[in-house]
N, C-alpha and C. Protein backbone atom coordinates (compact mmCIF):
# COMPACT_ATOMS: atom_id res chain seq x y z
N MET A 1 1.41 -11.21 50.91
CA MET A 1 0.25 -11.60 50.04
C MET A 1 0.78 -12.35 48.96
N GLU A 2 -0.08 -13.63 48.51
CA GLU A 2 0.58 -14.54 47.47
C GLU A 2 -0.61 -14.68 47.04
N LYS A 3 -0.31 -14.85 45.53
CA LYS A 3 -1.87 -15.17 44.83
C LYS A 3 -1.26 -16.61 44.12
N LYS A 4 -2.41 -17.26 44.19
CA LYS A 4 -2.69 -18.97 43.55
C LYS A 4 -3.09 -18.56 42.39
N THR A 5 -2.63 -19.60 41.38
CA THR A 5 -2.85 -19.91 39.98
C THR A 5 -3.92 -21.23 40.05
N VAL A 6 -5.09 -21.29 39.50
CA VAL A 6 -5.89 -22.40 39.69
C VAL A 6 -6.04 -22.33 38.26
N LYS A 7 -6.32 -23.85 37.70
CA LYS A 7 -6.39 -23.91 36.55
C LYS A 7 -7.81 -24.75 36.30
N GLN A 8 -8.96 -24.27 35.86
CA GLN A 8 -10.04 -25.26 35.98
C GLN A 8 -9.99 -26.35 35.08
N GLN A 9 -10.90 -27.67 35.27
CA GLN A 9 -11.13 -28.57 34.79
C GLN A 9 -11.82 -28.48 33.40
N ASN A 10 -11.56 -29.05 32.32
CA ASN A 10 -12.42 -29.03 31.28
C ASN A 10 -12.74 -27.53 30.49
N THR A 11 -11.79 -26.94 30.36
CA THR A 11 -11.85 -25.17 30.03
C THR A 11 -11.98 -24.93 28.47
N GLY A 12 -11.60 -25.80 27.78
CA GLY A 12 -11.51 -25.79 26.56
C GLY A 12 -10.02 -26.01 25.83
N VAL A 13 -9.97 -26.00 24.54
CA VAL A 13 -8.95 -26.53 24.23
C VAL A 13 -8.82 -25.04 23.16
N VAL A 14 -7.00 -24.69 23.14
CA VAL A 14 -6.82 -23.44 22.07
C VAL A 14 -7.23 -23.90 20.82
N ARG A 15 -7.29 -23.46 19.83
CA ARG A 15 -7.30 -23.76 18.21
C ARG A 15 -6.34 -22.49 17.82
N THR A 16 -6.13 -22.53 16.46
CA THR A 16 -5.54 -21.72 16.04
C THR A 16 -6.16 -21.33 14.55
N ILE A 17 -6.50 -20.30 14.42
CA ILE A 17 -7.16 -20.11 13.15
C ILE A 17 -6.29 -19.60 12.27
N ILE A 18 -6.38 -19.92 10.96
CA ILE A 18 -5.31 -19.45 10.08
C ILE A 18 -5.88 -18.48 8.91
N THR A 19 -5.72 -17.45 8.55
CA THR A 19 -6.79 -16.77 7.64
C THR A 19 -5.91 -15.41 6.69
N ASN A 20 -6.53 -14.89 5.74
CA ASN A 20 -5.48 -13.82 5.25
C ASN A 20 -6.25 -12.97 5.91
N ALA A 21 -5.44 -11.90 6.35
CA ALA A 21 -5.32 -10.43 6.99
C ALA A 21 -4.84 -9.54 6.16
N ILE A 22 -5.40 -7.98 6.04
CA ILE A 22 -4.90 -6.67 6.11
C ILE A 22 -3.59 -6.68 6.92
N TYR A 23 -2.53 -6.58 6.83
CA TYR A 23 -1.31 -6.14 7.40
C TYR A 23 -1.48 -4.48 7.51
N GLY A 24 -1.56 -3.84 6.35
CA GLY A 24 -1.47 -2.51 6.32
C GLY A 24 -1.67 -1.97 4.85
N ARG A 25 -2.26 -0.38 4.83
CA ARG A 25 -2.61 -0.09 3.55
C ARG A 25 -1.98 1.44 3.54
N ALA A 26 -1.93 2.10 2.29
CA ALA A 26 -1.37 3.32 2.35
C ALA A 26 -1.58 3.76 0.92
N THR A 27 -1.64 5.24 0.86
CA THR A 27 -1.73 6.03 -0.34
C THR A 27 -0.87 6.99 -0.38
N GLN A 28 -0.13 7.40 -1.59
CA GLN A 28 1.05 8.45 -1.62
C GLN A 28 1.13 9.09 -2.72
N ILE A 29 1.14 10.68 -2.59
CA ILE A 29 0.80 11.17 -3.65
C ILE A 29 2.25 11.74 -4.46
N PHE A 30 2.52 11.52 -5.47
CA PHE A 30 3.85 11.67 -6.17
C PHE A 30 3.82 12.91 -7.22
N ASP A 31 5.06 13.71 -7.37
CA ASP A 31 4.77 14.79 -8.31
C ASP A 31 6.07 15.13 -9.10
N PRO A 32 6.45 14.14 -9.69
CA PRO A 32 7.59 14.03 -10.37
C PRO A 32 7.42 15.32 -11.88
N THR A 33 8.68 15.60 -12.15
CA THR A 33 8.94 16.07 -13.18
C THR A 33 9.54 15.54 -14.49
N VAL A 34 9.21 15.39 -15.67
CA VAL A 34 9.59 14.86 -16.97
C VAL A 34 10.19 15.70 -17.57
N TYR A 35 11.03 15.42 -18.47
CA TYR A 35 11.74 16.48 -19.46
C TYR A 35 11.71 15.25 -20.96
N ILE A 36 11.14 16.38 -21.96
CA ILE A 36 10.94 15.57 -23.06
C ILE A 36 11.75 16.77 -24.13
N SER A 37 12.41 16.01 -25.04
CA SER A 37 13.34 16.89 -25.91
C SER A 37 12.59 16.52 -27.47
N PRO A 38 12.08 17.61 -28.18
CA PRO A 38 11.49 17.62 -29.60
C PRO A 38 12.39 16.90 -30.46
N ASN A 39 12.23 16.11 -31.21
CA ASN A 39 12.72 15.60 -32.24
C ASN A 39 13.16 16.52 -33.55
N ASP A 40 13.85 16.27 -34.46
CA ASP A 40 14.19 16.84 -35.81
C ASP A 40 14.70 18.52 -35.40
N ASN A 41 15.34 18.52 -34.45
CA ASN A 41 15.94 20.02 -34.05
C ASN A 41 15.04 21.09 -34.29
N ARG A 42 13.33 20.74 -33.97
CA ARG A 42 12.65 21.90 -33.83
C ARG A 42 12.71 22.34 -32.45
N ASN A 43 13.08 23.53 -32.16
CA ASN A 43 13.02 24.11 -31.07
C ASN A 43 11.93 24.80 -30.67
N PRO A 44 11.15 24.29 -29.63
CA PRO A 44 9.66 24.77 -29.12
C PRO A 44 9.68 26.01 -28.64
N THR A 45 8.82 26.87 -29.17
CA THR A 45 8.64 28.30 -28.78
C THR A 45 7.52 28.43 -27.49
N GLN A 46 6.34 27.70 -27.58
CA GLN A 46 5.40 27.48 -26.67
C GLN A 46 4.92 26.24 -26.54
N VAL A 47 4.43 25.86 -25.36
CA VAL A 47 3.62 24.55 -25.15
C VAL A 47 2.40 24.75 -24.99
N LEU A 48 1.49 24.15 -26.20
CA LEU A 48 0.03 24.47 -26.44
C LEU A 48 -0.83 23.33 -25.70
N GLY A 49 -0.48 22.30 -25.45
CA GLY A 49 -1.26 21.36 -24.39
C GLY A 49 -0.41 20.16 -24.07
N CYS A 50 -1.03 19.53 -23.07
CA CYS A 50 -0.50 18.36 -22.53
C CYS A 50 -1.40 17.39 -21.76
N THR A 51 -1.48 16.04 -22.36
CA THR A 51 -2.29 15.36 -21.78
C THR A 51 -1.51 13.82 -21.14
N ILE A 52 -1.94 13.21 -20.34
CA ILE A 52 -1.36 11.69 -19.93
C ILE A 52 -2.45 11.08 -19.89
N THR A 53 -2.24 9.61 -20.71
CA THR A 53 -3.23 8.67 -20.66
C THR A 53 -2.71 7.36 -20.53
N SER A 54 -3.20 6.40 -20.66
CA SER A 54 -2.95 5.03 -20.80
C SER A 54 -1.87 4.41 -19.18
N ALA A 55 -2.34 5.12 -18.15
CA ALA A 55 -1.47 4.82 -17.14
C ALA A 55 -2.12 3.48 -16.24
N GLN A 56 -1.07 2.55 -16.06
CA GLN A 56 -1.42 1.24 -15.58
C GLN A 56 -0.38 0.88 -14.82
N ILE A 57 -0.55 -0.06 -13.81
CA ILE A 57 0.42 -0.92 -12.81
C ILE A 57 1.10 -2.01 -13.89
N LYS A 58 2.34 -2.02 -14.05
CA LYS A 58 2.85 -3.33 -14.54
C LYS A 58 3.36 -4.37 -13.35
N GLU A 59 3.84 -3.66 -12.35
CA GLU A 59 4.22 -4.97 -11.00
C GLU A 59 4.58 -4.15 -9.72
N CYS A 60 4.22 -4.77 -8.74
CA CYS A 60 3.97 -4.00 -7.32
C CYS A 60 4.76 -5.48 -6.64
N ARG A 61 5.87 -5.31 -5.61
CA ARG A 61 6.47 -6.09 -4.73
C ARG A 61 6.97 -5.63 -3.73
N LEU A 62 7.43 -6.61 -2.78
CA LEU A 62 7.60 -5.84 -1.33
C LEU A 62 9.07 -5.66 -1.55
N GLU A 63 9.67 -4.30 -1.20
CA GLU A 63 11.14 -4.13 -1.36
C GLU A 63 12.08 -4.30 -0.26
N GLU A 64 11.13 -3.87 1.06
CA GLU A 64 11.95 -4.05 2.17
C GLU A 64 10.94 -4.60 3.01
N VAL A 65 11.23 -5.45 4.09
CA VAL A 65 10.34 -5.60 5.56
C VAL A 65 11.03 -5.40 6.22
N GLY A 66 10.14 -4.87 7.54
CA GLY A 66 10.55 -4.68 9.04
C GLY A 66 9.48 -5.01 9.58
N GLU A 67 9.54 -5.09 10.88
CA GLU A 67 8.71 -5.33 11.93
C GLU A 67 7.47 -4.29 12.07
N LYS A 68 7.88 -3.07 12.15
CA LYS A 68 6.65 -2.09 12.13
C LYS A 68 6.07 -1.78 10.99
N SER A 69 6.72 -1.59 9.66
CA SER A 69 6.70 -1.47 8.41
C SER A 69 7.08 -1.83 7.48
N ILE A 70 6.44 -2.18 5.89
CA ILE A 70 6.83 -2.41 4.93
C ILE A 70 7.16 -1.42 3.57
N ASN A 71 8.17 -1.58 2.97
CA ASN A 71 8.32 -0.57 1.79
C ASN A 71 7.71 -1.64 0.39
N VAL A 72 7.06 -0.86 -0.33
CA VAL A 72 6.34 -1.44 -1.60
C VAL A 72 6.83 -1.00 -2.47
N ARG A 73 7.46 -1.46 -3.40
CA ARG A 73 7.62 -0.77 -4.92
C ARG A 73 6.63 -1.23 -5.91
N VAL A 74 6.32 0.13 -6.70
CA VAL A 74 5.15 -0.01 -7.55
C VAL A 74 5.76 0.55 -8.75
N ASP A 75 5.78 -0.40 -10.05
CA ASP A 75 6.12 -0.08 -11.13
C ASP A 75 4.78 0.07 -12.08
N GLY A 76 4.86 1.08 -12.99
CA GLY A 76 4.06 1.30 -14.05
C GLY A 76 4.51 2.08 -15.06
N THR A 77 3.28 2.56 -16.18
CA THR A 77 3.64 3.20 -17.39
C THR A 77 2.66 4.04 -17.55
N TYR A 78 2.93 5.16 -18.33
CA TYR A 78 1.66 6.08 -18.67
C TYR A 78 2.31 6.55 -20.19
N GLU A 79 1.43 7.45 -20.82
CA GLU A 79 1.96 8.09 -22.11
C GLU A 79 1.93 9.57 -22.07
N LEU A 80 2.64 10.01 -22.47
CA LEU A 80 2.56 11.63 -22.58
C LEU A 80 2.47 12.36 -23.93
N HIS A 81 1.38 12.85 -24.21
CA HIS A 81 1.26 13.82 -25.26
C HIS A 81 1.51 15.46 -25.34
N VAL A 82 2.22 15.66 -25.79
CA VAL A 82 2.18 17.20 -25.53
C VAL A 82 2.54 18.05 -27.20
N TRP A 83 1.58 18.76 -27.30
CA TRP A 83 1.37 19.82 -28.21
C TRP A 83 2.37 21.04 -28.36
N TYR A 84 3.14 21.42 -29.05
CA TYR A 84 3.92 22.40 -28.57
C TYR A 84 3.86 23.33 -30.14
N GLU A 85 4.61 24.36 -30.07
CA GLU A 85 4.74 25.51 -31.16
C GLU A 85 6.15 25.29 -31.80
N ALA A 86 6.72 25.29 -33.10
CA ALA A 86 8.18 25.35 -33.28
C ALA A 86 8.14 25.58 -34.44
N ASN A 87 8.65 26.97 -35.00
CA ASN A 87 9.05 27.82 -36.06
C ASN A 87 7.70 28.07 -37.06
N GLY A 88 6.77 27.97 -36.24
CA GLY A 88 5.36 28.38 -36.63
C GLY A 88 4.37 27.37 -36.94
N ASP A 89 4.84 26.32 -36.63
CA ASP A 89 3.97 25.08 -37.03
C ASP A 89 3.59 24.45 -35.50
N THR A 90 2.40 23.66 -35.33
CA THR A 90 1.88 22.98 -34.29
C THR A 90 2.86 21.50 -34.41
N GLN A 91 3.22 21.13 -33.48
CA GLN A 91 4.01 19.61 -33.42
C GLN A 91 3.47 19.01 -32.42
N VAL A 92 3.33 17.71 -32.35
CA VAL A 92 3.14 16.70 -31.24
C VAL A 92 4.37 15.85 -31.19
N ILE A 93 4.44 15.16 -29.55
CA ILE A 93 5.12 14.48 -29.23
C ILE A 93 4.39 13.61 -28.27
N LYS A 94 4.68 12.11 -28.74
CA LYS A 94 4.27 11.17 -27.90
C LYS A 94 5.23 10.33 -27.32
N ASN A 95 5.16 10.29 -25.90
CA ASN A 95 6.39 9.73 -25.15
C ASN A 95 5.79 8.46 -24.18
N HIS A 96 6.11 7.38 -24.45
CA HIS A 96 5.98 6.23 -23.58
C HIS A 96 6.72 6.42 -22.18
N ALA A 97 6.22 6.57 -21.13
CA ALA A 97 7.11 6.65 -20.01
C ALA A 97 6.63 5.81 -18.73
N LYS A 98 7.75 5.61 -17.85
CA LYS A 98 7.81 4.91 -16.49
C LYS A 98 7.86 5.18 -15.64
N PHE A 99 7.25 4.93 -14.55
CA PHE A 99 7.58 5.19 -13.19
C PHE A 99 7.72 4.10 -12.22
N SER A 100 8.49 4.25 -11.19
CA SER A 100 8.61 3.35 -10.22
C SER A 100 9.06 4.42 -8.85
N GLU A 101 8.01 3.81 -8.17
CA GLU A 101 8.11 4.37 -6.77
C GLU A 101 7.96 3.47 -5.35
N ILE A 102 8.46 4.05 -4.27
CA ILE A 102 8.40 3.30 -3.18
C ILE A 102 7.31 3.66 -2.18
N ILE A 103 5.99 3.39 -1.83
CA ILE A 103 5.47 3.60 -0.47
C ILE A 103 5.41 2.50 0.61
N PRO A 104 5.70 3.24 1.38
CA PRO A 104 5.94 2.65 3.23
C PRO A 104 4.76 2.39 3.67
N VAL A 105 4.28 1.08 4.24
CA VAL A 105 3.24 0.90 4.82
C VAL A 105 3.46 0.52 5.92
N LYS A 106 2.83 0.89 6.96
CA LYS A 106 2.76 1.01 8.61
C LYS A 106 1.87 -0.14 8.93
N SER A 107 2.34 -0.92 9.81
CA SER A 107 1.64 -2.13 10.43
C SER A 107 0.31 -1.80 10.90
N LEU A 108 -0.79 -2.19 10.99
CA LEU A 108 -2.21 -1.49 11.59
C LEU A 108 -2.34 -2.50 12.95
N GLY A 109 -1.27 -3.51 13.11
CA GLY A 109 -1.20 -3.91 14.68
C GLY A 109 0.12 -5.17 15.13
N GLY A 110 0.00 -5.66 15.90
CA GLY A 110 1.17 -6.28 16.29
C GLY A 110 0.86 -8.17 15.88
N GLU A 111 0.08 -8.30 15.02
CA GLU A 111 -0.01 -9.56 14.81
C GLU A 111 1.14 -10.16 14.12
N PHE A 112 1.21 -11.13 14.09
CA PHE A 112 2.16 -11.94 13.04
C PHE A 112 1.74 -12.50 11.66
N TYR A 113 2.42 -12.00 10.76
CA TYR A 113 1.90 -12.20 9.17
C TYR A 113 3.00 -13.07 8.52
N GLU A 114 2.35 -14.44 7.69
CA GLU A 114 3.47 -14.69 7.02
C GLU A 114 2.70 -14.68 5.63
N ASN A 115 3.76 -15.10 4.56
CA ASN A 115 3.26 -15.42 3.12
C ASN A 115 2.74 -13.78 2.72
N LYS A 116 3.48 -12.85 2.77
CA LYS A 116 2.77 -11.78 2.47
C LYS A 116 2.37 -11.14 1.20
N GLN A 117 1.61 -10.71 0.47
CA GLN A 117 1.09 -10.61 -0.66
C GLN A 117 0.93 -9.02 -0.87
N VAL A 118 1.05 -8.35 -2.01
CA VAL A 118 0.60 -6.96 -2.01
C VAL A 118 -0.07 -6.63 -3.01
N MET A 119 -1.07 -5.85 -3.13
CA MET A 119 -2.11 -5.16 -4.04
C MET A 119 -1.48 -3.80 -4.40
N ALA A 120 -1.68 -3.29 -5.58
CA ALA A 120 -1.63 -1.95 -6.00
C ALA A 120 -2.56 -1.08 -6.79
N TRP A 121 -2.74 -0.16 -6.62
CA TRP A 121 -3.64 0.43 -7.62
C TRP A 121 -3.49 2.01 -7.86
N ILE A 122 -3.75 2.71 -8.82
CA ILE A 122 -3.63 4.15 -9.11
C ILE A 122 -5.12 4.94 -8.58
N ALA A 123 -4.74 5.59 -7.36
CA ALA A 123 -5.73 6.03 -6.93
C ALA A 123 -6.40 7.32 -7.10
N ASN A 124 -5.41 8.24 -8.19
CA ASN A 124 -5.76 9.16 -9.05
C ASN A 124 -4.78 9.15 -10.01
N LYS A 125 -5.06 9.03 -11.22
CA LYS A 125 -4.49 9.08 -12.54
C LYS A 125 -3.81 10.09 -12.68
N PRO A 126 -2.93 10.23 -13.33
CA PRO A 126 -1.42 10.82 -13.26
C PRO A 126 -2.28 12.38 -14.26
N ARG A 127 -1.74 13.60 -14.09
CA ARG A 127 -2.11 14.76 -14.45
C ARG A 127 -1.07 15.85 -14.45
N PRO A 128 -1.20 16.80 -15.62
CA PRO A 128 -0.27 17.54 -15.56
C PRO A 128 -0.60 18.82 -14.98
N LEU A 129 0.46 19.21 -14.08
CA LEU A 129 0.16 20.28 -13.31
C LEU A 129 0.52 21.79 -14.08
N GLY A 130 1.60 21.78 -14.87
CA GLY A 130 2.34 22.45 -15.54
C GLY A 130 3.68 22.34 -16.68
N THR A 131 3.70 23.32 -17.74
CA THR A 131 4.63 22.83 -18.62
C THR A 131 5.32 23.94 -18.84
N MET A 132 6.62 23.91 -19.09
CA MET A 132 7.28 25.01 -19.44
C MET A 132 8.55 24.65 -20.29
N ILE A 133 9.17 25.67 -21.05
CA ILE A 133 10.28 25.37 -21.87
C ILE A 133 11.61 25.66 -21.00
N VAL A 134 12.30 24.84 -21.12
CA VAL A 134 13.95 24.91 -20.30
C VAL A 134 14.97 24.20 -21.01
N ASN A 135 16.22 24.95 -20.69
CA ASN A 135 17.31 24.72 -21.32
C ASN A 135 18.10 23.48 -20.72
N LYS A 136 17.92 22.28 -21.33
CA LYS A 136 18.72 21.05 -20.72
C LYS A 136 19.69 20.79 -21.18
N SER A 137 20.81 20.79 -20.59
CA SER A 137 22.02 20.34 -21.48
C SER A 137 22.36 21.10 -22.66
N GLY A 138 21.94 21.94 -22.89
CA GLY A 138 22.01 23.07 -23.97
C GLY A 138 21.19 22.77 -25.26
N THR A 139 20.05 22.24 -24.69
CA THR A 139 18.88 21.82 -25.67
C THR A 139 17.75 22.02 -25.22
N PRO A 140 17.18 22.91 -26.08
CA PRO A 140 15.54 23.29 -25.44
C PRO A 140 14.49 21.92 -25.43
N SER A 141 14.31 22.09 -24.24
CA SER A 141 13.44 20.89 -23.81
C SER A 141 12.23 21.16 -23.20
N ILE A 142 11.12 20.27 -23.12
CA ILE A 142 9.82 20.70 -22.57
C ILE A 142 9.75 19.97 -21.18
N SER A 143 9.65 20.78 -20.05
CA SER A 143 9.59 20.21 -18.53
C SER A 143 7.94 20.19 -18.36
N ILE A 144 7.58 18.87 -17.95
CA ILE A 144 6.06 18.66 -17.71
C ILE A 144 6.07 18.11 -16.02
N GLN A 145 5.24 18.90 -15.20
CA GLN A 145 5.04 18.68 -13.95
C GLN A 145 4.07 18.35 -13.75
N MET A 146 3.76 16.94 -13.06
CA MET A 146 2.74 15.82 -12.89
C MET A 146 2.36 15.57 -11.78
N GLU A 147 1.38 15.10 -11.45
CA GLU A 147 0.98 14.33 -10.10
C GLU A 147 0.08 13.01 -10.45
N TYR A 148 0.28 12.28 -9.64
CA TYR A 148 -0.88 11.01 -9.44
C TYR A 148 -0.79 10.55 -8.11
N GLU A 149 -1.32 9.72 -7.55
CA GLU A 149 -1.26 9.07 -6.47
C GLU A 149 -1.60 7.49 -6.55
N LEU A 150 -0.91 6.81 -5.53
CA LEU A 150 -0.82 5.28 -5.63
C LEU A 150 -1.11 4.97 -4.55
N GLY A 151 -2.10 3.71 -4.30
CA GLY A 151 -2.23 2.95 -3.67
C GLY A 151 -1.81 1.51 -3.19
N VAL A 152 -1.48 0.94 -2.18
CA VAL A 152 -1.15 -0.41 -1.91
C VAL A 152 -1.60 -0.99 -0.49
N GLU A 153 -1.91 -2.35 -0.64
CA GLU A 153 -2.35 -2.88 0.70
C GLU A 153 -1.55 -4.00 0.51
N VAL A 154 -1.13 -4.62 1.93
CA VAL A 154 -0.25 -5.64 2.05
C VAL A 154 -1.33 -6.69 2.87
N ILE A 155 -1.38 -7.82 2.27
CA ILE A 155 -2.04 -9.06 2.74
C ILE A 155 -1.14 -9.94 3.18
N GLY A 156 -1.57 -10.69 4.55
CA GLY A 156 -0.44 -11.53 4.72
C GLY A 156 -1.10 -12.82 5.47
N GLU A 157 -0.79 -14.10 5.68
CA GLU A 157 -1.52 -14.91 6.48
C GLU A 157 -1.48 -14.94 7.75
N ALA A 158 -2.28 -14.85 8.66
CA ALA A 158 -2.21 -14.45 10.08
C ALA A 158 -2.75 -15.37 10.59
N LYS A 159 -1.97 -15.80 12.14
CA LYS A 159 -2.49 -16.74 12.82
C LYS A 159 -2.92 -16.35 14.08
N ILE A 160 -4.33 -16.66 14.55
CA ILE A 160 -4.95 -16.61 15.90
C ILE A 160 -5.22 -17.21 16.70
N ASP A 161 -4.83 -17.23 17.86
CA ASP A 161 -5.18 -18.57 18.95
C ASP A 161 -6.54 -18.05 19.34
N ILE A 162 -7.57 -19.13 19.62
CA ILE A 162 -8.72 -18.90 20.17
C ILE A 162 -9.16 -19.70 21.23
N LEU A 163 -9.75 -19.73 22.31
CA LEU A 163 -10.15 -20.74 23.27
C LEU A 163 -11.37 -21.31 22.90
N SER A 164 -11.73 -22.67 22.49
CA SER A 164 -12.75 -23.16 22.01
C SER A 164 -13.41 -24.20 23.11
N TYR A 165 -14.61 -24.51 23.13
CA TYR A 165 -15.55 -25.30 24.13
C TYR A 165 -16.50 -26.58 23.15
N ASN A 166 -16.45 -27.68 23.80
CA ASN A 166 -17.36 -28.54 22.99
C ASN A 166 -18.69 -28.06 23.40
N ARG A 167 -19.53 -27.90 22.23
CA ARG A 167 -21.09 -27.56 22.50
C ARG A 167 -22.04 -28.70 22.91
N LYS A 168 -21.46 -29.74 23.20
CA LYS A 168 -22.19 -30.94 24.02
C LYS A 168 -22.12 -30.85 25.60
N GLU A 169 -21.33 -29.90 26.01
CA GLU A 169 -21.02 -29.86 27.27
C GLU A 169 -22.76 -29.42 27.96
N PRO A 170 -22.96 -29.54 29.12
CA PRO A 170 -24.15 -29.31 30.06
C PRO A 170 -24.72 -27.75 29.94
N ALA A 171 -25.78 -27.54 29.98
CA ALA A 171 -26.41 -25.90 29.73
C ALA A 171 -25.72 -25.14 30.76
N LYS A 172 -24.68 -25.20 31.54
CA LYS A 172 -24.05 -24.50 32.73
C LYS A 172 -23.37 -23.42 31.51
N ALA A 173 -22.95 -23.48 30.28
CA ALA A 173 -22.18 -22.57 29.49
C ALA A 173 -23.49 -21.43 29.17
N LYS A 174 -24.67 -21.76 28.95
CA LYS A 174 -25.67 -20.88 28.54
C LYS A 174 -25.76 -19.83 29.94
N ASN A 175 -26.18 -20.44 30.99
CA ASN A 175 -26.25 -19.49 32.24
C ASN A 175 -25.31 -18.57 32.36
N ASN A 176 -23.94 -19.05 32.54
CA ASN A 176 -22.88 -18.03 33.19
C ASN A 176 -21.66 -18.47 31.86
N PRO A 177 -21.68 -17.93 31.00
CA PRO A 177 -20.70 -17.81 29.88
C PRO A 177 -19.58 -17.25 30.23
N ILE A 178 -19.18 -16.16 30.95
CA ILE A 178 -17.90 -15.72 31.71
C ILE A 178 -17.25 -16.60 32.30
N GLU A 179 -17.97 -17.22 33.30
CA GLU A 179 -17.69 -18.07 34.05
C GLU A 179 -16.82 -19.76 33.36
N ASN A 180 -17.33 -19.71 32.23
CA ASN A 180 -16.68 -20.77 31.45
C ASN A 180 -15.54 -20.68 30.75
N PHE A 181 -15.36 -19.20 30.66
CA PHE A 181 -14.18 -18.66 29.44
C PHE A 181 -13.24 -18.12 30.44
N GLU A 182 -13.46 -18.34 31.52
CA GLU A 182 -11.87 -18.11 33.02
C GLU A 182 -11.34 -19.59 32.83
N SER A 183 -10.08 -19.35 32.13
CA SER A 183 -9.00 -20.50 32.44
C SER A 183 -8.29 -20.34 33.75
N ILE A 184 -8.06 -19.07 34.24
CA ILE A 184 -7.11 -19.06 35.23
C ILE A 184 -7.83 -17.94 36.21
N ILE A 185 -7.63 -18.33 37.54
CA ILE A 185 -8.56 -17.57 38.59
C ILE A 185 -7.51 -17.16 39.75
N ASP A 186 -7.32 -16.21 39.61
CA ASP A 186 -5.98 -15.70 41.01
C ASP A 186 -6.88 -15.29 42.16
N ALA A 187 -6.38 -16.01 43.32
CA ALA A 187 -7.20 -15.67 44.43
C ALA A 187 -6.21 -15.43 45.48
N GLU A 188 -6.89 -14.61 46.11
CA GLU A 188 -5.97 -13.86 47.60
C GLU A 188 -5.81 -15.06 48.61
N ASP A 189 -4.44 -14.96 49.08
CA ASP A 189 -4.41 -15.91 50.33
C ASP A 189 -4.56 -15.30 51.52
N ASP A 190 -5.38 -15.64 52.30
CA ASP A 190 -5.69 -14.92 53.37
C ASP A 190 -4.74 -14.99 54.79
N ASP A 191 -4.02 -15.88 54.44
CA ASP A 191 -2.74 -16.33 55.47
C ASP A 191 -2.13 -15.03 56.27
């Protein structure tokens, strides 16, 4: 049995569409621990409260590009405000902190993308999960367990090939559109 390939005449032209498309997106939860040492040799005896404010993304960039996934680095800042008791008085510490996290993004498909760009956002703002006083390097410090969620989206220039037809062709295209889109016909040889 032999198959023959026959090309139809006047079947159309292959054209390339170039557009921006989403390569992939991901969100990830991070739960770092931050340590703050009080100033002026005031040894904390109790943590009274903690808030985290002014979280923002400073930069995001492609860290490692592979065929099936991309690592995106997200850098940002936030402010920690901690109230604690030391020597019977209430003290406040304000600390400007930075974060730098890597988020892996899996590809949504096998398409080819060029000129990749990345966007990042804070999906859930940093919040404290718990605080405690710890002995770090011989000095009483305040340990803050926190949690935040970051999201990223990688956008790239995609090229898609399509088969197009001249609209001025006879009305045959309206009667049987499937027939006009077939560019290759496989026929069995009866010999």
